Amino acid sequence: MDELWTMSGAATLHGTPCLIEGVAAGRARRAAELNLRSALSNDGIIIERVDHMGGIDDAPYDLFAMLATNAPDACYELSFRDVGQSRFDDALRLVDPTPFDQTGGRTASETLLDLLFDQGDDPRFPYNCFAILDGGRVRNIAERLGGSGLAHRCLFKDTAADKFGDSGPWILRLDRENKFARDLFSASDDDPLQTGLWGEGAGILIRSQVSLQGLWQHFRKFTLITDEATGKRYFFRFYAPETLRTIIAGMSEEKLTELGAGCSLICGSDRTHGLTLFMRGP
């Protein structure tokens, strides 16, 4: 019968240093470590140093819950604090405030789409385009995503997902030719059915080599923030374009780097301010 083991140490995500904490199942310690290394390798993560490998008493609760819910052989969390993570370009780039190609029925420009869906030069670890959408701004989001054919998941889980999922954040991996994905990049002046979502403040777009599961694990950490003065916790709508344009744009370099870990590009659009775009510098 398989046992559960925990591991912590240092790793690299496509060459970027990070810290890792993981839980894996295996008949013995070595088997569990191999399962974890295999799961990480699939996401482009290489373990550089194992600082600790122990029994189940050492494991964080969230990782155990994830293991039980998804029934994988291994799961993990990454941290990019104090590990020399490469930083985002220090310029907040404001692109064309009307990013539509008028000749194609007001669809987002091919230049923007090429930027978001460029898979990079390494076929082993291609870049993908993801969206984090605000359920409060996309009508019937669970039903629309369920019928979209796109891999997706609510950033909330368990009771929070049941209670707030209809108005909460959802992450999905986009396919450029998918109809729902095309809706995200389309707009109309008269659209009562909300078939076009561009400019509606529906969410943000992300380009990353990390898997959907890895990004889900990373970004759900930011859905709640704590007021240091009162100790109260609040929902943080980092996936709203106006938050990207104001609060996130004013973050310290360290905080911005932590939020955007594993991402080469983050952007969002609204009708008033156009497209706000962060790109990681070379």
Protein backbone atom coordinates (compact mmCIF):
# COMPACT_ATOMS: atom_id res chain seq x y z
CA MET A 1 0.00 0.00 0.00
CA ASP A 2 1.33 3.45 -0.89
CA GLU A 3 2.40 5.84 1.84
CA LEU A 4 2.38 9.64 1.75
CA TRP A 5 5.64 11.59 1.95
CA THR A 6 6.47 15.28 2.04
CA MET A 7 9.39 17.06 0.48
CA SER A 8 10.76 20.60 0.51
CA GLY A 9 13.73 22.06 -1.30
CA ALA A 10 14.93 24.23 -4.17
CA ALA A 11 14.00 23.93 -7.84
CA THR A 12 14.00 25.80 -11.12
CA LEU A 13 10.95 26.58 -13.24
CA HIS A 14 12.22 26.88 -16.84
CA GLY A 15 15.48 28.23 -15.43
CA THR A 16 13.90 30.51 -12.79
CA PRO A 17 14.87 29.65 -9.18
CA CYS A 18 12.04 28.79 -6.81
CA LEU A 19 11.32 26.99 -3.56
CA ILE A 20 9.09 23.95 -3.51
CA GLU A 21 6.94 22.07 -1.04
CA GLY A 22 5.27 18.86 -2.19
CA VAL A 23 3.36 15.75 -1.18
CA ALA A 24 3.65 12.44 -3.01
CA ALA A 25 2.45 8.86 -2.69
CA GLY A 26 4.72 5.85 -2.98
CA ARG A 27 5.45 2.43 -1.54
CA ALA A 28 8.71 3.81 -0.20
CA ARG A 29 10.43 7.16 0.14
CA ARG A 30 12.35 6.77 -3.13
CA ALA A 31 9.21 5.86 -5.07
CA ALA A 32 7.39 8.91 -3.68
CA GLU A 33 10.31 11.16 -4.62
CA LEU A 34 10.31 9.78 -8.18
CA ASN A 35 6.55 10.39 -8.45
CA LEU A 36 7.03 13.99 -7.35
CA ARG A 37 9.98 14.56 -9.68
CA SER A 38 7.95 13.16 -12.57
CA ALA A 39 4.97 15.43 -11.83
CA LEU A 40 7.26 18.45 -11.60
CA SER A 41 9.14 17.58 -14.78
CA ASN A 42 5.86 17.51 -16.69
CA ASP A 43 5.41 21.16 -15.70
CA GLY A 44 8.99 22.11 -16.58
CA ILE A 45 10.20 22.15 -12.96
CA ILE A 46 13.55 20.57 -12.04
CA ILE A 47 14.42 19.79 -8.42
CA GLU A 48 17.87 21.18 -7.68
CA ARG A 49 18.12 20.41 -3.96
CA VAL A 50 16.10 18.36 -1.46
CA ASP A 51 16.22 20.00 1.97
CA HIS A 52 13.77 17.70 3.72
CA MET A 53 11.86 14.49 3.04
CA GLY A 54 9.60 13.24 5.79
CA GLY A 55 6.35 11.64 6.81
CA ILE A 56 2.78 12.83 6.62
CA ASP A 57 2.91 14.82 9.87
CA ASP A 58 5.06 17.43 8.14
CA ALA A 59 2.69 18.10 5.23
CA PRO A 60 0.70 21.33 4.84
CA TYR A 61 -3.06 20.75 5.05
CA ASP A 62 -3.77 22.42 1.68
CA LEU A 63 -1.52 19.98 -0.13
CA PHE A 64 -3.18 16.99 1.50
CA ALA A 65 -6.60 18.34 0.60
CA MET A 66 -5.45 18.81 -3.00
CA LEU A 67 -4.06 15.28 -3.12
CA ALA A 68 -7.32 13.84 -1.77
CA THR A 69 -9.50 15.93 -4.10
CA ASN A 70 -7.63 15.30 -7.33
CA ALA A 71 -6.21 11.86 -6.56
CA PRO A 72 -2.84 12.43 -8.30
CA ASP A 73 0.38 10.68 -7.34
CA ALA A 74 1.88 14.03 -6.31
CA CYS A 75 1.07 17.72 -5.87
CA TYR A 76 3.12 20.75 -4.96
CA GLU A 77 3.28 24.46 -4.24
CA LEU A 78 5.96 26.89 -5.43
CA SER A 79 7.28 30.03 -3.79
CA PHE A 80 9.31 32.75 -5.47
CA ARG A 81 10.21 34.77 -2.37
CA ASP A 82 13.85 35.75 -1.93
CA VAL A 83 15.16 33.44 -4.62
CA GLY A 84 16.35 35.95 -7.22
CA GLN A 85 13.31 35.65 -9.49
CA SER A 86 13.73 37.57 -12.73
CA ARG A 87 11.58 40.70 -12.64
CA PHE A 88 8.91 42.20 -14.83
CA ASP A 89 9.91 45.06 -17.06
CA ASP A 90 9.66 48.21 -14.97
CA ALA A 91 7.46 49.93 -17.56
CA LEU A 92 3.70 49.59 -17.45
CA ARG A 93 2.86 49.46 -21.13
CA LEU A 94 -0.38 51.01 -22.33
CA VAL A 95 -1.14 49.71 -25.79
CA ASP A 96 -3.61 50.88 -28.44
CA PRO A 97 -6.72 51.98 -26.49
CA THR A 98 -8.94 50.50 -29.21
CA PRO A 99 -7.29 47.13 -29.93
CA PHE A 100 -9.73 45.90 -32.60
CA ASP A 101 -9.33 44.92 -36.21
CA GLN A 102 -12.30 46.71 -37.77
CA THR A 103 -12.07 44.64 -40.96
CA GLY A 104 -12.86 41.38 -39.17
CA GLY A 105 -16.04 42.21 -37.33
CA ARG A 106 -14.26 44.01 -34.47
CA THR A 107 -12.01 41.18 -33.38
CA ALA A 108 -8.86 41.83 -31.37
CA SER A 109 -5.80 42.58 -33.47
CA GLU A 110 -3.73 39.74 -34.88
CA THR A 111 -0.65 41.37 -33.35
CA LEU A 112 -2.10 40.96 -29.87
CA LEU A 113 -3.25 37.40 -30.55
CA ASP A 114 0.18 36.46 -31.92
CA LEU A 115 1.75 37.86 -28.76
CA LEU A 116 -0.55 35.94 -26.42
CA PHE A 117 -0.56 32.62 -28.29
CA ASP A 118 3.13 32.45 -29.24
CA GLN A 119 4.23 29.03 -27.95
CA GLY A 120 7.92 29.89 -27.83
CA ASP A 121 10.95 28.05 -29.18
CA ASP A 122 11.03 24.96 -26.93
CA PRO A 123 8.39 22.40 -28.00
CA ARG A 124 8.94 20.45 -24.78
CA PHE A 125 7.61 23.32 -22.68
CA PRO A 126 5.35 25.44 -24.87
CA TYR A 127 3.77 28.66 -23.71
CA ASN A 128 -0.01 28.70 -23.47
CA CYS A 129 -2.53 31.49 -23.12
CA PHE A 130 -4.77 31.44 -20.05
CA ALA A 131 -7.55 33.67 -18.78
CA ILE A 132 -8.73 34.37 -15.25
CA LEU A 133 -12.33 35.54 -15.53
CA ASP A 134 -14.60 37.28 -13.04
CA GLY A 135 -17.82 35.30 -12.62
CA GLY A 136 -19.56 38.47 -11.56
CA ARG A 137 -18.96 39.95 -15.03
CA VAL A 138 -19.54 36.89 -17.22
CA ARG A 139 -23.15 35.75 -17.15
CA ASN A 140 -23.69 32.07 -16.37
CA ILE A 141 -19.95 31.52 -16.25
CA ALA A 142 -20.01 27.93 -14.99
CA GLU A 143 -22.43 26.85 -17.73
CA ARG A 144 -20.57 28.76 -20.45
CA LEU A 145 -17.22 27.31 -19.47
CA GLY A 146 -18.71 23.85 -19.06
CA GLY A 147 -19.93 23.96 -22.66
CA SER A 148 -16.82 25.65 -24.06
CA GLY A 149 -14.63 22.57 -24.41
CA LEU A 150 -11.81 24.43 -22.63
CA ALA A 151 -10.01 23.15 -19.52
CA HIS A 152 -11.11 25.34 -16.61
CA ARG A 153 -11.38 25.50 -12.83
CA CYS A 154 -12.73 27.88 -10.20
CA LEU A 155 -9.98 29.45 -8.07
CA PHE A 156 -12.23 28.94 -5.06
CA LYS A 157 -12.72 25.40 -3.80
CA ASP A 158 -14.97 23.36 -1.50
CA THR A 159 -17.54 25.48 0.38
CA ALA A 160 -16.26 28.77 -1.08
CA ALA A 161 -16.69 27.43 -4.61
CA ASP A 162 -20.24 26.27 -3.85
CA LYS A 163 -21.17 29.59 -2.24
CA PHE A 164 -19.30 32.12 -4.39
CA GLY A 165 -18.42 30.24 -7.58
CA ASP A 166 -21.03 32.02 -9.71
CA SER A 167 -19.40 35.37 -8.93
CA GLY A 168 -15.86 34.17 -8.26
CA PRO A 169 -12.70 33.84 -10.38
CA TRP A 170 -12.23 31.03 -12.91
CA ILE A 171 -9.02 30.08 -14.69
CA LEU A 172 -9.04 28.47 -18.13
CA ARG A 173 -6.54 27.52 -20.83
CA LEU A 174 -7.41 29.10 -24.16
CA ASP A 175 -7.35 27.65 -27.66
CA ARG A 176 -7.04 30.35 -30.30
CA GLU A 177 -9.62 28.65 -32.56
CA ASN A 178 -12.16 27.95 -29.80
CA LYS A 179 -15.46 29.86 -30.02
CA PHE A 180 -15.50 30.97 -26.39
CA ALA A 181 -11.87 32.08 -26.69
CA ARG A 182 -12.83 34.12 -29.76
CA ASP A 183 -15.65 35.70 -27.73
CA LEU A 184 -13.04 36.95 -25.25
CA PHE A 185 -11.35 38.90 -28.04
CA SER A 186 -14.50 40.21 -29.71
CA ALA A 187 -16.83 43.10 -28.98
CA SER A 188 -20.02 44.69 -30.21
CA ASP A 189 -21.66 48.01 -29.46
CA ASP A 190 -25.04 46.33 -28.95
CA ASP A 191 -24.57 42.96 -27.27
CA PRO A 192 -27.36 42.14 -24.76
CA LEU A 193 -26.43 38.45 -24.81
CA GLN A 194 -22.79 39.24 -23.99
CA THR A 195 -21.45 37.20 -26.89
CA GLY A 196 -18.38 39.45 -27.00
CA LEU A 197 -16.40 40.02 -23.81
CA TRP A 198 -13.54 42.26 -24.97
CA GLY A 199 -13.61 45.55 -23.11
CA GLU A 200 -16.18 44.29 -20.58
CA GLY A 201 -13.62 44.00 -17.79
CA ALA A 202 -14.26 40.25 -17.75
CA GLY A 203 -10.81 39.32 -16.51
CA ILE A 204 -7.12 39.13 -17.35
CA LEU A 205 -5.05 37.16 -19.86
CA ILE A 206 -1.81 35.36 -19.07
CA ARG A 207 0.96 33.76 -21.14
CA SER A 208 2.86 31.07 -19.28
CA GLN A 209 4.68 27.75 -19.59
CA VAL A 210 3.12 26.55 -16.32
CA SER A 211 0.24 24.07 -16.49
CA LEU A 212 -3.37 24.98 -15.66
CA GLN A 213 -3.02 23.09 -12.38
CA GLY A 214 0.19 24.91 -11.52
CA LEU A 215 -1.33 28.33 -12.23
CA TRP A 216 -4.45 27.40 -10.26
CA GLN A 217 -2.27 26.55 -7.27
CA HIS A 218 -0.30 29.78 -7.65
CA PHE A 219 -3.06 32.32 -8.19
CA ARG A 220 -5.54 31.00 -5.64
CA LYS A 221 -3.09 32.20 -2.98
CA PHE A 222 -3.97 35.78 -3.95
CA THR A 223 -7.77 35.52 -3.81
CA LEU A 224 -7.75 36.61 -0.14
CA ILE A 225 -5.63 39.30 1.49
CA THR A 226 -5.30 40.26 5.14
CA ASP A 227 -5.54 43.81 6.47
CA GLU A 228 -2.45 44.00 8.67
CA ALA A 229 -4.04 46.70 10.85
CA THR A 230 -7.27 44.84 11.65
CA GLY A 231 -6.46 41.23 10.83
CA LYS A 232 -9.59 41.02 8.67
CA ARG A 233 -9.47 39.09 5.41
CA TYR A 234 -10.88 40.40 2.14
CA PHE A 235 -11.36 39.08 -1.36
CA PHE A 236 -8.69 40.51 -3.69
CA ARG A 237 -9.96 40.88 -7.24
CA PHE A 238 -6.51 40.91 -8.83
CA TYR A 239 -8.13 39.49 -11.97
CA ALA A 240 -10.09 42.70 -12.63
CA PRO A 241 -8.48 44.91 -15.33
CA GLU A 242 -8.95 48.04 -13.20
CA THR A 243 -7.03 46.35 -10.38
CA LEU A 244 -4.27 45.44 -12.82
CA ARG A 245 -4.16 49.04 -14.04
CA THR A 246 -4.17 50.73 -10.60
CA ILE A 247 -3.29 48.64 -7.53
CA ILE A 248 -1.05 46.09 -9.25
CA ALA A 249 0.67 48.74 -11.34
CA GLY A 250 1.62 50.47 -8.08
CA MET A 251 2.97 47.36 -6.37
CA SER A 252 6.57 47.11 -5.35
CA GLU A 253 8.81 45.24 -7.76
CA GLU A 254 9.03 42.37 -5.28
CA LYS A 255 5.25 42.04 -4.90
CA LEU A 256 4.65 42.28 -8.64
CA THR A 257 7.27 39.63 -9.26
CA GLU A 258 5.64 37.34 -6.70
CA LEU A 259 2.18 37.76 -8.23
CA GLY A 260 3.44 37.22 -11.78
CA ALA A 261 5.71 34.28 -11.00
CA GLY A 262 5.85 31.85 -13.91
CA CYS A 263 4.16 34.31 -16.30
CA SER A 264 5.78 36.10 -19.21
CA LEU A 265 2.81 38.38 -19.86
CA ILE A 266 -0.30 39.58 -18.02
CA CYS A 267 -2.86 41.91 -19.56
CA GLY A 268 -6.42 43.12 -19.22
CA SER A 269 -8.73 45.47 -21.09
CA ASP A 270 -11.67 47.78 -20.47
CA ARG A 271 -13.55 50.19 -22.70
CA THR A 272 -12.31 53.32 -20.93
CA HIS A 273 -8.57 52.68 -20.62
CA GLY A 274 -7.89 50.16 -23.37
CA LEU A 275 -5.31 47.44 -22.85
CA THR A 276 -2.99 47.34 -19.84
CA LEU A 277 -0.05 45.03 -20.43
CA PHE A 278 2.84 43.78 -18.29
CA MET A 279 5.66 41.94 -20.06
CA ARG A 280 8.61 40.32 -18.41
CA GLY A 281 11.89 41.93 -19.40
CA PRO A 282 14.77 39.93 -20.90
